[in-house]
Amino acid sequence: MRGHATHPLLALAGALVLATPCAANTYVVDDTSTIPYESNLVTRWKDNATTGGRQMSNDIEGAATVTLRLNVQPWLNRNGRIYLALPQQPIGVVNVEWSTQGRLLPGKLQSGERTLVYAGPIRTSVLEDTFNVHVVADGRRVNAAQRLNFHFEIDVD
């Protein structure tokens, strides 16, 4: 029975790039000071209860806690919008949801998208918050550990 078997690990890692331009007025934010509480995200098969019995899902899920530290010094005293981005993944669609402690916005995204996590004036050189992350992917497509290269982007005014 697959119900509670541990599936291969999905590694969480931020893209560690310094203020590199993405597009006009969009830059990758340096998140090299971010600290994951776990270096690997252990996943398990997701069970979906249905009426009339129990049906197994093909999804795997896992959770992790990460202390984010975003170096926004290059945009100090400017207005900006910061996004969490996850590029398309070779394993197909990956769904991510997170809650925060309030400095940044909670949200969700699918691989290939970006989602707003902050909008407003940049008043400090580092934005910090704790993300509780929940990841869901199609377990039929995950045969080994995967690196999810999240990164943060900022659009500046």
C-alpha atoms as a PDB file:
ATOM      1  CA  MET A   1       0.000   0.000   0.000  1.00  0.00           C
ATOM      2  CA  ARG A   2       1.394   3.400  -1.018  1.00  0.00           C
ATOM      3  CA  GLY A   3      -0.649   5.433   1.440  1.00  0.00           C
ATOM      4  CA  HIS A   4       2.030   6.449   3.913  1.00  0.00           C
ATOM      5  CA  ALA A   5       5.240   5.383   2.209  1.00  0.00           C
ATOM      6  CA  THR A   6       8.011   7.927   2.139  1.00  0.00           C
ATOM      7  CA  HIS A   7       8.724   9.060  -1.396  1.00  0.00           C
ATOM      8  CA  PRO A   8      12.093  10.348  -2.660  1.00  0.00           C
ATOM      9  CA  LEU A   9      13.089  13.734  -1.333  1.00  0.00           C
ATOM     10  CA  LEU A  10      12.320  17.013  -3.014  1.00  0.00           C
ATOM     11  CA  ALA A  11      15.196  19.345  -2.222  1.00  0.00           C
ATOM     12  CA  LEU A  12      14.317  22.977  -1.554  1.00  0.00           C
ATOM     13  CA  ALA A  13      16.900  25.486  -2.665  1.00  0.00           C
ATOM     14  CA  GLY A  14      16.812  29.165  -3.492  1.00  0.00           C
ATOM     15  CA  ALA A  15      18.501  30.548  -6.536  1.00  0.00           C
ATOM     16  CA  LEU A  16      21.529  32.298  -5.129  1.00  0.00           C
ATOM     17  CA  VAL A  17      22.055  35.134  -7.548  1.00  0.00           C
ATOM     18  CA  LEU A  18      22.982  38.725  -6.796  1.00  0.00           C
ATOM     19  CA  ALA A  19      20.836  41.515  -8.264  1.00  0.00           C
ATOM     20  CA  THR A  20      20.963  40.179 -11.802  1.00  0.00           C
ATOM     21  CA  PRO A  21      18.597  41.813 -14.292  1.00  0.00           C
ATOM     22  CA  CYS A  22      15.676  39.612 -15.427  1.00  0.00           C
ATOM     23  CA  ALA A  23      13.901  42.125 -17.663  1.00  0.00           C
ATOM     24  CA  ALA A  24      13.435  45.894 -17.768  1.00  0.00           C
ATOM     25  CA  ASN A  25      13.279  47.055 -14.117  1.00  0.00           C
ATOM     26  CA  THR A  26      13.040  43.443 -12.850  1.00  0.00           C
ATOM     27  CA  TYR A  27      15.924  41.976 -10.857  1.00  0.00           C
ATOM     28  CA  VAL A  28      16.654  38.738  -9.035  1.00  0.00           C
ATOM     29  CA  VAL A  29      16.933  39.362  -5.273  1.00  0.00           C
ATOM     30  CA  ASP A  30      19.902  37.982  -3.335  1.00  0.00           C
ATOM     31  CA  ASP A  31      18.540  35.397  -0.900  1.00  0.00           C
ATOM     32  CA  THR A  32      21.869  33.766   0.042  1.00  0.00           C
ATOM     33  CA  SER A  33      21.222  34.416   3.748  1.00  0.00           C
ATOM     34  CA  THR A  34      18.000  32.380   3.695  1.00  0.00           C
ATOM     35  CA  ILE A  35      18.048  29.484   6.164  1.00  0.00           C
ATOM     36  CA  PRO A  36      15.960  26.335   5.596  1.00  0.00           C
ATOM     37  CA  TYR A  37      15.163  24.413   8.793  1.00  0.00           C
ATOM     38  CA  GLU A  38      15.421  21.208   6.783  1.00  0.00           C
ATOM     39  CA  SER A  39      17.840  20.767   3.873  1.00  0.00           C
ATOM     40  CA  ASN A  40      15.531  18.259   2.175  1.00  0.00           C
ATOM     41  CA  LEU A  41      11.776  18.106   1.993  1.00  0.00           C
ATOM     42  CA  VAL A  42      10.570  14.584   2.786  1.00  0.00           C
ATOM     43  CA  THR A  43       7.421  13.800   0.856  1.00  0.00           C
ATOM     44  CA  ARG A  44       4.695  11.217   1.264  1.00  0.00           C
ATOM     45  CA  TRP A  45       1.821   9.999  -0.830  1.00  0.00           C
ATOM     46  CA  LYS A  46      -1.269  12.147  -0.418  1.00  0.00           C
ATOM     47  CA  ASP A  47      -4.481  10.300   0.488  1.00  0.00           C
ATOM     48  CA  ASN A  48      -7.813  11.588  -0.764  1.00  0.00           C
ATOM     49  CA  ALA A  49     -10.912  10.297   0.944  1.00  0.00           C
ATOM     50  CA  THR A  50     -13.881   9.907  -1.388  1.00  0.00           C
ATOM     51  CA  THR A  51     -17.471   8.993  -0.679  1.00  0.00           C
ATOM     52  CA  GLY A  52     -17.978   5.264  -0.674  1.00  0.00           C
ATOM     53  CA  GLY A  53     -14.372   4.346   0.072  1.00  0.00           C
ATOM     54  CA  ARG A  54     -10.764   5.411  -0.035  1.00  0.00           C
ATOM     55  CA  GLN A  55      -9.066   6.330  -3.278  1.00  0.00           C
ATOM     56  CA  MET A  56      -5.324   6.848  -3.546  1.00  0.00           C
ATOM     57  CA  SER A  57      -3.992  10.001  -5.108  1.00  0.00           C
ATOM     58  CA  ASN A  58      -1.006  10.190  -7.433  1.00  0.00           C
ATOM     59  CA  ASP A  59       0.145  13.315  -5.622  1.00  0.00           C
ATOM     60  CA  ILE A  60       3.006  13.511  -3.183  1.00  0.00           C
ATOM     61  CA  GLU A  61       3.239  16.280  -0.616  1.00  0.00           C
ATOM     62  CA  GLY A  62       5.701  17.676   1.850  1.00  0.00           C
ATOM     63  CA  ALA A  63       6.239  20.660   4.094  1.00  0.00           C
ATOM     64  CA  ALA A  64       9.184  22.739   5.270  1.00  0.00           C
ATOM     65  CA  THR A  65       9.925  25.888   7.251  1.00  0.00           C
ATOM     66  CA  VAL A  66      12.325  28.487   5.871  1.00  0.00           C
ATOM     67  CA  THR A  67      13.604  31.743   7.382  1.00  0.00           C
ATOM     68  CA  LEU A  68      13.835  34.110   4.426  1.00  0.00           C
ATOM     69  CA  ARG A  69      16.385  36.889   4.369  1.00  0.00           C
ATOM     70  CA  LEU A  70      16.156  38.991   1.240  1.00  0.00           C
ATOM     71  CA  ASN A  71      18.941  41.488   0.558  1.00  0.00           C
ATOM     72  CA  VAL A  72      17.113  44.489  -0.862  1.00  0.00           C
ATOM     73  CA  GLN A  73      19.924  46.989  -0.199  1.00  0.00           C
ATOM     74  CA  PRO A  74      20.269  47.882  -3.924  1.00  0.00           C
ATOM     75  CA  TRP A  75      16.674  49.230  -3.885  1.00  0.00           C
ATOM     76  CA  LEU A  76      16.717  50.992  -0.505  1.00  0.00           C
ATOM     77  CA  ASN A  77      14.336  53.989  -0.373  1.00  0.00           C
ATOM     78  CA  ARG A  78      12.587  52.963  -3.591  1.00  0.00           C
ATOM     79  CA  ASN A  79       9.186  51.392  -4.149  1.00  0.00           C
ATOM     80  CA  GLY A  80       9.087  47.827  -5.345  1.00  0.00           C
ATOM     81  CA  ARG A  81       7.082  44.675  -5.774  1.00  0.00           C
ATOM     82  CA  ILE A  82       8.782  41.420  -4.736  1.00  0.00           C
ATOM     83  CA  TYR A  83       7.657  38.091  -6.185  1.00  0.00           C
ATOM     84  CA  LEU A  84       8.409  34.462  -5.363  1.00  0.00           C
ATOM     85  CA  ALA A  85       9.066  32.626  -8.640  1.00  0.00           C
ATOM     86  CA  LEU A  86       9.342  28.940  -9.486  1.00  0.00           C
ATOM     87  CA  PRO A  87      10.385  28.060 -13.051  1.00  0.00           C
ATOM     88  CA  GLN A  88       8.799  25.189 -14.988  1.00  0.00           C
ATOM     89  CA  GLN A  89       9.946  21.843 -13.582  1.00  0.00           C
ATOM     90  CA  PRO A  90      10.998  18.708 -15.492  1.00  0.00           C
ATOM     91  CA  ILE A  91       8.671  16.684 -13.234  1.00  0.00           C
ATOM     92  CA  GLY A  92       5.630  18.648 -14.398  1.00  0.00           C
ATOM     93  CA  VAL A  93       3.371  20.880 -12.351  1.00  0.00           C
ATOM     94  CA  VAL A  94       4.449  21.620  -8.787  1.00  0.00           C
ATOM     95  CA  ASN A  95       1.974  23.435  -6.534  1.00  0.00           C
ATOM     96  CA  VAL A  96       3.334  25.478  -3.636  1.00  0.00           C
ATOM     97  CA  GLU A  97       1.496  27.245  -0.802  1.00  0.00           C
ATOM     98  CA  TRP A  98       3.005  29.144   2.096  1.00  0.00           C
ATOM     99  CA  SER A  99       2.056  31.058   5.181  1.00  0.00           C
ATOM    100  CA  THR A 100       4.179  33.787   6.734  1.00  0.00           C
ATOM    101  CA  GLN A 101       4.639  35.611  10.013  1.00  0.00           C
ATOM    102  CA  GLY A 102       3.273  38.804   8.456  1.00  0.00           C
ATOM    103  CA  ARG A 103       6.203  40.772   7.034  1.00  0.00           C
ATOM    104  CA  LEU A 104       5.688  39.184   3.603  1.00  0.00           C
ATOM    105  CA  LEU A 105       2.419  38.013   2.056  1.00  0.00           C
ATOM    106  CA  PRO A 106       1.196  34.414   2.233  1.00  0.00           C
ATOM    107  CA  GLY A 107       0.256  32.861  -1.084  1.00  0.00           C
ATOM    108  CA  LYS A 108       0.428  30.056  -3.585  1.00  0.00           C
ATOM    109  CA  LEU A 109       1.826  29.404  -7.027  1.00  0.00           C
ATOM    110  CA  GLN A 110       2.381  26.714  -9.640  1.00  0.00           C
ATOM    111  CA  SER A 111       5.673  26.028 -11.342  1.00  0.00           C
ATOM    112  CA  GLY A 112       6.141  28.468 -14.218  1.00  0.00           C
ATOM    113  CA  GLU A 113       4.559  31.324 -12.258  1.00  0.00           C
ATOM    114  CA  ARG A 114       5.510  34.075  -9.858  1.00  0.00           C
ATOM    115  CA  THR A 115       3.388  35.462  -7.017  1.00  0.00           C
ATOM    116  CA  LEU A 116       3.546  38.781  -5.167  1.00  0.00           C
ATOM    117  CA  VAL A 117       4.988  38.568  -1.629  1.00  0.00           C
ATOM    118  CA  TYR A 118       5.660  42.272  -0.959  1.00  0.00           C
ATOM    119  CA  ALA A 119       4.631  45.641  -2.389  1.00  0.00           C
ATOM    120  CA  GLY A 120       5.653  49.037  -1.082  1.00  0.00           C
ATOM    121  CA  PRO A 121       8.623  51.112  -0.027  1.00  0.00           C
ATOM    122  CA  ILE A 122      11.947  49.408   0.704  1.00  0.00           C
ATOM    123  CA  ARG A 123      12.916  50.930   4.064  1.00  0.00           C
ATOM    124  CA  THR A 124      15.463  48.356   5.325  1.00  0.00           C
ATOM    125  CA  SER A 125      18.347  46.611   3.600  1.00  0.00           C
ATOM    126  CA  VAL A 126      17.034  43.137   4.524  1.00  0.00           C
ATOM    127  CA  LEU A 127      13.459  41.841   4.453  1.00  0.00           C
ATOM    128  CA  GLU A 128      13.026  38.844   6.751  1.00  0.00           C
ATOM    129  CA  ASP A 129      10.130  36.479   7.405  1.00  0.00           C
ATOM    130  CA  THR A 130       9.451  32.811   8.103  1.00  0.00           C
ATOM    131  CA  PHE A 131       7.702  30.793   5.418  1.00  0.00           C
ATOM    132  CA  ASN A 132       5.874  27.555   6.207  1.00  0.00           C
ATOM    133  CA  VAL A 133       5.875  25.904   2.779  1.00  0.00           C
ATOM    134  CA  HIS A 134       3.623  23.091   1.514  1.00  0.00           C
ATOM    135  CA  VAL A 135       4.569  21.434  -1.800  1.00  0.00           C
ATOM    136  CA  VAL A 136       2.446  19.052  -3.939  1.00  0.00           C
ATOM    137  CA  ALA A 137       3.619  17.280  -7.109  1.00  0.00           C
ATOM    138  CA  ASP A 138       2.619  14.312  -9.268  1.00  0.00           C
ATOM    139  CA  GLY A 139       4.386  11.347  -7.644  1.00  0.00           C
ATOM    140  CA  ARG A 140       4.305   9.347 -10.874  1.00  0.00           C
ATOM    141  CA  ARG A 141       6.813  11.806 -12.367  1.00  0.00           C
ATOM    142  CA  VAL A 142       9.191  12.020  -9.397  1.00  0.00           C
ATOM    143  CA  ASN A 143      11.693   9.169  -9.515  1.00  0.00           C
ATOM    144  CA  ALA A 144      14.575  10.778  -7.624  1.00  0.00           C
ATOM    145  CA  ALA A 145      15.416  13.821  -5.524  1.00  0.00           C
ATOM    146  CA  GLN A 146      14.480  17.068  -7.277  1.00  0.00           C
ATOM    147  CA  ARG A 147      15.819  20.568  -6.738  1.00  0.00           C
ATOM    148  CA  LEU A 148      13.149  23.249  -6.813  1.00  0.00           C
ATOM    149  CA  ASN A 149      14.982  26.436  -7.729  1.00  0.00           C
ATOM    150  CA  PHE A 150      12.766  29.093  -6.189  1.00  0.00           C
ATOM    151  CA  HIS A 151      13.969  32.642  -6.482  1.00  0.00           C
ATOM    152  CA  PHE A 152      12.739  36.120  -5.656  1.00  0.00           C
ATOM    153  CA  GLU A 153      12.362  38.906  -8.196  1.00  0.00           C
ATOM    154  CA  ILE A 154      11.791  42.596  -7.620  1.00  0.00           C
ATOM    155  CA  ASP A 155      10.137  45.075  -9.957  1.00  0.00           C
ATOM    156  CA  VAL A 156      11.210  48.593  -9.031  1.00  0.00           C
ATOM    157  CA  ASP A 157       9.485  51.866  -9.830  1.00  0.00           C
END
